[in-house]
N, C-alpha and C. Protein backbone atom coordinates (compact mmCIF):
# COMPACT_ATOMS: atom_id res chain seq x y z
N UNK A 1 161.76 80.13 88.32
CA UNK A 1 160.63 81.19 88.84
C UNK A 1 160.86 81.56 90.46
N UNK A 2 160.66 83.01 90.55
CA UNK A 2 161.26 83.69 91.15
C UNK A 2 160.76 83.76 92.65
N UNK A 3 161.84 84.38 93.72
CA UNK A 3 161.63 83.44 95.33
C UNK A 3 162.04 85.46 95.60
N UNK A 4 160.79 85.92 96.05
CA UNK A 4 159.45 85.66 96.40
C UNK A 4 158.92 85.02 94.85
N UNK A 5 157.66 84.50 94.91
CA UNK A 5 157.12 84.48 93.94
C UNK A 5 156.28 85.78 93.25
N UNK A 6 156.30 85.99 92.14
CA UNK A 6 155.59 87.32 91.20
C UNK A 6 156.02 88.62 92.44
N UNK A 7 157.70 88.41 92.34
CA UNK A 7 157.66 90.16 93.17
C UNK A 7 157.32 91.61 92.35
N UNK A 8 157.49 91.21 91.11
CA UNK A 8 156.93 92.65 90.02
C UNK A 8 156.23 92.33 88.83
N UNK A 9 154.93 92.48 88.38
CA UNK A 9 154.16 92.38 87.47
C UNK A 9 154.67 93.57 86.28
N UNK A 10 154.79 93.03 85.30
CA UNK A 10 154.53 93.95 84.43
C UNK A 10 153.52 93.50 82.63
N UNK A 11 153.32 94.71 82.02
CA UNK A 11 152.89 94.17 80.95
C UNK A 11 153.21 95.34 79.75
N UNK A 12 153.09 94.67 78.41
CA UNK A 12 153.43 95.50 77.21
C UNK A 12 152.02 96.01 76.63
N UNK A 13 152.01 97.28 76.43
CA UNK A 13 151.03 97.53 75.49
C UNK A 13 151.54 99.25 74.68
N UNK A 14 151.31 99.03 73.50
CA UNK A 14 151.32 99.82 72.52
C UNK A 14 152.79 100.35 72.79
N UNK A 15 153.94 99.34 72.88
CA UNK A 15 155.68 99.79 73.21
C UNK A 15 155.63 100.49 74.46
N UNK A 16 154.62 100.64 75.32
CA UNK A 16 154.90 100.91 76.88
C UNK A 16 155.07 99.52 77.40
N UNK A 17 155.78 99.96 78.60
CA UNK A 17 155.82 98.77 79.71
C UNK A 17 155.03 98.89 80.62
N UNK A 18 154.14 98.65 81.28
CA UNK A 18 153.16 98.91 82.50
C UNK A 18 153.17 98.39 83.59
N UNK A 19 153.22 98.67 84.66
CA UNK A 19 153.11 98.27 86.24
C UNK A 19 151.72 97.46 86.45
N UNK A 20 151.93 96.11 86.48
CA UNK A 20 150.21 95.58 86.74
C UNK A 20 150.70 95.47 88.24
N UNK A 21 149.05 94.78 88.62
CA UNK A 21 149.24 94.08 90.07
C UNK A 21 148.45 92.78 89.68
N UNK A 22 148.47 91.61 90.54
CA UNK A 22 147.70 90.93 91.07
C UNK A 22 146.13 91.40 91.09
N UNK A 23 145.41 90.54 91.43
CA UNK A 23 144.22 91.17 91.56
C UNK A 23 142.62 89.87 91.25
N UNK A 24 141.59 91.06 92.12
CA UNK A 24 140.95 89.57 92.32
C UNK A 24 139.54 89.52 91.04
N UNK A 25 139.74 90.40 90.29
CA UNK A 25 138.44 90.59 89.29
C UNK A 25 139.97 91.16 87.94
N UNK A 26 140.21 90.87 87.04
CA UNK A 26 141.23 91.67 86.25
C UNK A 26 140.00 92.95 85.71
N UNK A 27 141.28 93.65 84.93
CA UNK A 27 140.89 94.88 84.61
C UNK A 27 140.16 94.28 83.03
N UNK A 28 139.77 95.95 82.30
CA UNK A 28 138.77 95.13 80.98
C UNK A 28 139.96 94.84 79.87
N UNK A 29 140.80 95.84 79.74
CA UNK A 29 142.20 95.47 79.04
C UNK A 29 142.75 94.39 79.03
N UNK A 30 142.72 93.94 80.50
CA UNK A 30 144.05 92.49 80.91
C UNK A 30 142.31 91.19 80.25
N UNK A 31 141.34 91.25 80.62
CA UNK A 31 140.62 90.16 80.52
C UNK A 31 140.32 89.80 79.63
N UNK A 32 140.25 91.59 78.35
CA UNK A 32 140.29 91.16 76.95
C UNK A 32 141.35 90.69 76.27
N UNK A 33 142.33 90.27 77.01
CA UNK A 33 143.53 90.36 76.17
C UNK A 33 143.97 91.96 74.97
N UNK A 34 143.78 92.84 75.68
CA UNK A 34 144.43 93.66 74.77
C UNK A 34 145.57 94.34 75.23
N UNK A 35 146.06 93.49 76.56
CA UNK A 35 147.43 94.32 76.94
C UNK A 35 147.85 92.86 76.84
N UNK A 36 147.78 91.87 76.18
CA UNK A 36 148.13 90.47 76.35
C UNK A 36 148.64 89.89 77.45
N UNK A 37 149.67 88.74 77.83
CA UNK A 37 149.96 88.66 78.81
C UNK A 37 150.91 89.18 80.32
N UNK A 38 150.58 89.47 81.41
CA UNK A 38 151.51 90.31 82.49
C UNK A 38 152.72 89.03 82.57
N UNK A 39 153.55 89.49 83.00
CA UNK A 39 154.69 88.66 83.36
C UNK A 39 155.93 89.08 84.13
N UNK A 40 156.61 88.23 85.13
CA UNK A 40 157.46 88.52 86.16
C UNK A 40 158.06 89.38 85.69
N UNK A 41 158.57 91.22 86.07
CA UNK A 41 159.51 91.94 85.38
C UNK A 41 161.13 91.14 85.75
N UNK A 42 161.20 90.18 87.19
CA UNK A 42 162.62 89.55 87.10
C UNK A 42 162.91 88.48 86.12
N UNK A 43 161.93 87.09 86.00
CA UNK A 43 162.25 85.83 85.21
C UNK A 43 161.19 85.89 83.63
N UNK A 44 160.55 86.83 83.63
CA UNK A 44 159.66 86.99 82.73
C UNK A 44 158.65 85.56 82.64
N UNK A 45 158.89 85.04 83.50
CA UNK A 45 157.01 83.85 83.50
C UNK A 45 155.78 84.51 83.42
N UNK A 46 155.07 83.90 82.75
CA UNK A 46 153.78 84.18 82.34
C UNK A 46 152.68 84.41 83.86
N UNK A 47 152.59 85.25 84.30
CA UNK A 47 151.66 85.53 85.47
C UNK A 47 150.03 84.72 85.22
N UNK A 48 149.91 83.71 85.54
CA UNK A 48 148.67 82.73 85.32
C UNK A 48 147.19 83.32 85.80
N UNK A 49 147.17 84.51 86.26
CA UNK A 49 145.97 84.80 87.19
C UNK A 49 145.61 86.19 86.70
N UNK A 50 144.46 86.84 87.14
CA UNK A 50 143.93 88.05 86.66
C UNK A 50 144.59 89.42 87.22
N UNK A 51 144.69 90.00 86.51
CA UNK A 51 145.38 91.23 87.29
C UNK A 51 144.43 92.68 86.72
N UNK A 52 145.55 93.60 87.24
CA UNK A 52 145.17 95.40 86.62
C UNK A 52 146.18 96.02 86.28
N UNK A 53 146.52 96.93 85.80
CA UNK A 53 147.55 98.01 85.80
C UNK A 53 147.59 98.90 86.83
N UNK A 54 148.48 98.70 87.68
CA UNK A 54 148.97 99.46 88.69
C UNK A 54 148.16 100.87 88.68
N UNK A 55 147.89 101.96 89.96
CA UNK A 55 147.19 103.21 89.66
C UNK A 55 148.21 104.12 88.85
N UNK A 56 149.18 103.69 89.27
CA UNK A 56 150.42 105.12 88.79
C UNK A 56 151.27 104.64 86.84
N UNK A 57 150.45 103.46 86.36
CA UNK A 57 151.29 102.86 85.06
C UNK A 57 150.78 104.54 84.27
N UNK A 58 152.18 104.66 83.54
CA UNK A 58 151.79 105.64 82.50
C UNK A 58 150.88 105.38 81.43
N UNK A 59 150.07 106.30 80.72
CA UNK A 59 149.32 106.40 79.85
C UNK A 59 149.92 105.71 78.80
N UNK A 60 149.83 104.33 78.24
CA UNK A 60 150.32 104.08 76.90
C UNK A 60 150.15 104.25 75.44
N UNK A 61 150.00 105.80 75.62
CA UNK A 61 149.79 106.22 74.15
C UNK A 61 150.82 107.20 73.82
N UNK A 62 151.22 107.47 72.60
CA UNK A 62 152.04 108.62 72.14
C UNK A 62 151.44 109.95 72.48
N UNK A 63 150.22 110.12 72.06
CA UNK A 63 149.56 111.21 72.09
C UNK A 63 150.07 112.22 73.46
N UNK A 64 149.46 111.32 74.13
CA UNK A 64 149.61 111.54 75.58
C UNK A 64 150.97 111.92 76.34
N UNK A 65 152.18 112.11 75.70
CA UNK A 65 153.49 112.37 76.22
C UNK A 65 154.26 113.44 74.87
N UNK A 66 153.55 113.97 74.35
CA UNK A 66 153.86 114.57 73.34
C UNK A 66 155.01 116.00 73.95
N UNK A 67 154.34 116.17 74.73
CA UNK A 67 154.58 117.86 75.85
C UNK A 67 155.67 117.04 77.16
N UNK A 68 155.96 115.78 77.05
CA UNK A 68 156.80 115.75 77.98
C UNK A 68 158.14 116.09 77.73
N UNK A 69 158.71 116.68 78.69
CA UNK A 69 159.90 117.24 78.95
C UNK A 69 161.05 116.54 79.76
């Protein structure tokens, strides 16, 4: 386990790694299991509580990146 605990969290969806944050109430995607488990980005431990995607997370769909340069 990392020290400090949970220094950074991430979840994978559609091949994109999204930054996520601990939260009192999980997002629809995290509570429904659509994003799978959140993990520590350093030690890969599964985060056992609710979480939400970070506000600056990339849009996790290829069509949203077609015009990226």
